[in-house]
């Protein structure tokens, strides 16, 4: 297995670190935005989110919290390799935050050859979607808010 490290681009967000830290430190906040058909299939607690993928339980759990500067998430369940996501928050003045995502994974060589480049694409896409959300826009790909 080999270590893979992927870093997203830096974003300057017009909120202080305490606001972003509060949003990401309790995973129950994300339950409100799940589409109705997924709410019954996912268990969300303050420190974890777990669902079933092809009959196997997989999810994320909070691995570490450093108030207002870092939250890390690690895999839980039946993932084929260990990984961690890091959400970094650094103050920029009094009312803004420098924010970025990092992914570290211990990938088997074959998996690394197959998905190595796709991991950067994934981190970039998540970064783009978070940037839209931080700026009050719902990403185009998200259809969780449909009026019936």
Protein backbone atom coordinates (compact mmCIF):
# COMPACT_ATOMS: atom_id res chain seq x y z
CA UNK A 1 0.00 0.00 0.00
CA UNK A 2 1.13 3.51 -0.71
CA UNK A 3 0.23 6.83 0.83
CA UNK A 4 -1.76 9.15 -1.42
CA UNK A 5 -2.17 12.80 -0.52
CA UNK A 6 -4.58 15.12 -2.36
CA UNK A 7 -5.14 18.78 -1.50
CA UNK A 8 -7.96 21.00 -2.69
CA UNK A 9 -7.48 24.62 -3.60
CA UNK A 10 -7.69 27.30 -0.94
CA UNK A 11 -10.96 29.19 -0.57
CA UNK A 12 -11.49 32.46 1.24
CA UNK A 13 -14.91 32.23 2.85
CA UNK A 14 -16.73 35.32 4.16
CA UNK A 15 -17.40 33.77 7.57
CA UNK A 16 -15.11 33.48 10.61
CA UNK A 17 -13.61 30.04 11.44
CA UNK A 18 -16.02 29.51 14.34
CA UNK A 19 -18.96 29.48 11.90
CA UNK A 20 -17.41 26.91 9.54
CA UNK A 21 -16.14 24.79 12.41
CA UNK A 22 -19.64 24.73 13.91
CA UNK A 23 -21.20 23.69 10.59
CA UNK A 24 -18.84 20.74 10.04
CA UNK A 25 -18.33 19.60 13.64
CA UNK A 26 -21.81 18.04 14.01
CA UNK A 27 -22.77 15.69 11.19
CA UNK A 28 -26.45 15.82 12.18
CA UNK A 29 -26.60 19.19 10.40
CA UNK A 30 -26.34 17.32 7.10
CA UNK A 31 -29.40 15.14 7.79
CA UNK A 32 -31.66 18.12 7.14
CA UNK A 33 -30.44 18.35 3.54
CA UNK A 34 -30.61 14.68 2.59
CA UNK A 35 -33.18 13.73 -0.03
CA UNK A 36 -36.17 11.97 1.56
CA UNK A 37 -35.39 8.64 -0.10
CA UNK A 38 -31.96 8.53 1.61
CA UNK A 39 -32.99 9.57 5.13
CA UNK A 40 -34.17 6.04 6.03
CA UNK A 41 -31.02 4.45 4.62
CA UNK A 42 -28.48 6.53 6.54
CA UNK A 43 -27.72 6.73 10.27
CA UNK A 44 -26.42 10.12 11.31
CA UNK A 45 -25.10 11.01 14.73
CA UNK A 46 -23.03 14.01 15.85
CA UNK A 47 -19.78 12.13 15.17
CA UNK A 48 -20.68 9.73 12.37
CA UNK A 49 -22.68 9.10 9.23
CA UNK A 50 -23.16 5.48 8.13
CA UNK A 51 -25.09 3.97 5.26
CA UNK A 52 -25.34 0.74 3.33
CA UNK A 53 -23.57 0.45 -0.03
CA UNK A 54 -24.19 -2.80 -1.89
CA UNK A 55 -25.07 -4.49 1.40
CA UNK A 56 -21.98 -3.27 3.27
CA UNK A 57 -22.04 -0.62 5.99
CA UNK A 58 -19.74 2.28 5.18
CA UNK A 59 -19.41 5.76 6.51
CA UNK A 60 -17.39 8.57 8.00
CA UNK A 61 -16.67 9.38 11.60
CA UNK A 62 -15.10 12.42 13.19
CA UNK A 63 -11.51 11.48 13.92
CA UNK A 64 -10.19 14.72 15.40
CA UNK A 65 -11.41 18.19 16.30
CA UNK A 66 -9.17 21.15 16.99
CA UNK A 67 -11.58 23.99 17.72
CA UNK A 68 -11.86 26.52 14.92
CA UNK A 69 -8.87 25.20 12.94
CA UNK A 70 -9.29 21.51 11.97
CA UNK A 71 -11.81 18.70 11.73
CA UNK A 72 -10.69 15.35 10.37
CA UNK A 73 -12.92 12.48 9.29
CA UNK A 74 -11.90 8.84 8.93
CA UNK A 75 -13.57 5.90 7.24
CA UNK A 76 -15.72 3.54 9.23
CA UNK A 77 -17.21 0.24 8.18
CA UNK A 78 -16.12 -2.03 5.35
CA UNK A 79 -13.96 0.28 3.23
CA UNK A 80 -11.26 -1.54 1.26
CA UNK A 81 -8.58 0.95 2.38
CA UNK A 82 -8.08 3.49 5.18
CA UNK A 83 -8.48 7.20 4.45
CA UNK A 84 -8.96 10.55 6.15
CA UNK A 85 -10.47 13.86 5.08
CA UNK A 86 -9.14 17.04 6.68
CA UNK A 87 -11.08 20.31 6.78
CA UNK A 88 -8.68 23.19 7.56
CA UNK A 89 -9.84 26.60 8.81
CA UNK A 90 -7.48 29.59 9.21
CA UNK A 91 -8.64 33.11 10.10
CA UNK A 92 -8.27 35.87 7.53
CA UNK A 93 -8.97 39.10 9.34
CA UNK A 94 -11.95 39.17 11.69
CA UNK A 95 -14.70 37.93 9.41
CA UNK A 96 -13.22 35.50 6.87
CA UNK A 97 -11.60 32.07 6.75
CA UNK A 98 -9.02 30.41 4.54
CA UNK A 99 -10.53 26.95 4.01
CA UNK A 100 -9.21 23.86 2.27
CA UNK A 101 -9.77 20.12 2.07
CA UNK A 102 -7.17 17.37 2.12
CA UNK A 103 -7.50 13.65 1.53
CA UNK A 104 -5.02 11.03 2.67
CA UNK A 105 -5.49 7.40 1.70
CA UNK A 106 -3.49 4.19 1.95
CA UNK A 107 -4.23 2.74 -1.46
CA UNK A 108 -3.12 -0.63 -2.76
CA UNK A 109 -0.90 -0.18 -5.82
CA UNK A 110 -3.52 -1.39 -8.32
CA UNK A 111 -6.22 0.84 -6.84
CA UNK A 112 -3.84 3.80 -6.85
CA UNK A 113 -3.17 3.30 -10.56
CA UNK A 114 -6.91 3.07 -11.30
CA UNK A 115 -8.27 5.94 -9.16
CA UNK A 116 -5.30 8.12 -8.23
CA UNK A 117 -6.20 10.97 -10.60
CA UNK A 118 -9.91 10.65 -9.89
CA UNK A 119 -9.29 11.46 -6.21
CA UNK A 120 -8.01 14.93 -7.16
CA UNK A 121 -11.09 15.41 -9.35
CA UNK A 122 -13.32 14.40 -6.43
CA UNK A 123 -11.62 16.78 -3.97
CA UNK A 124 -11.81 19.58 -6.56
CA UNK A 125 -15.53 18.94 -7.14
CA UNK A 126 -16.30 18.90 -3.40
CA UNK A 127 -14.29 22.12 -3.01
CA UNK A 128 -16.26 23.74 -5.85
CA UNK A 129 -19.60 22.66 -4.37
CA UNK A 130 -18.65 23.92 -0.91
CA UNK A 131 -17.58 27.23 -2.41
CA UNK A 132 -21.01 27.58 -4.03
CA UNK A 133 -22.74 26.68 -0.77
CA UNK A 134 -20.59 29.13 1.22
CA UNK A 135 -21.68 31.82 -1.24
CA UNK A 136 -25.36 30.97 -0.82
CA UNK A 137 -25.80 29.03 -4.06
CA UNK A 138 -27.18 25.51 -4.36
CA UNK A 139 -24.89 23.47 -6.64
CA UNK A 140 -26.56 22.57 -9.97
CA UNK A 141 -26.01 18.86 -9.37
CA UNK A 142 -27.97 18.96 -6.12
CA UNK A 143 -31.66 18.24 -6.51
CA UNK A 144 -32.55 17.69 -2.86
CA UNK A 145 -34.79 20.76 -2.78
CA UNK A 146 -37.56 19.97 -5.20
CA UNK A 147 -41.03 21.32 -4.69
CA UNK A 148 -43.75 18.73 -5.13
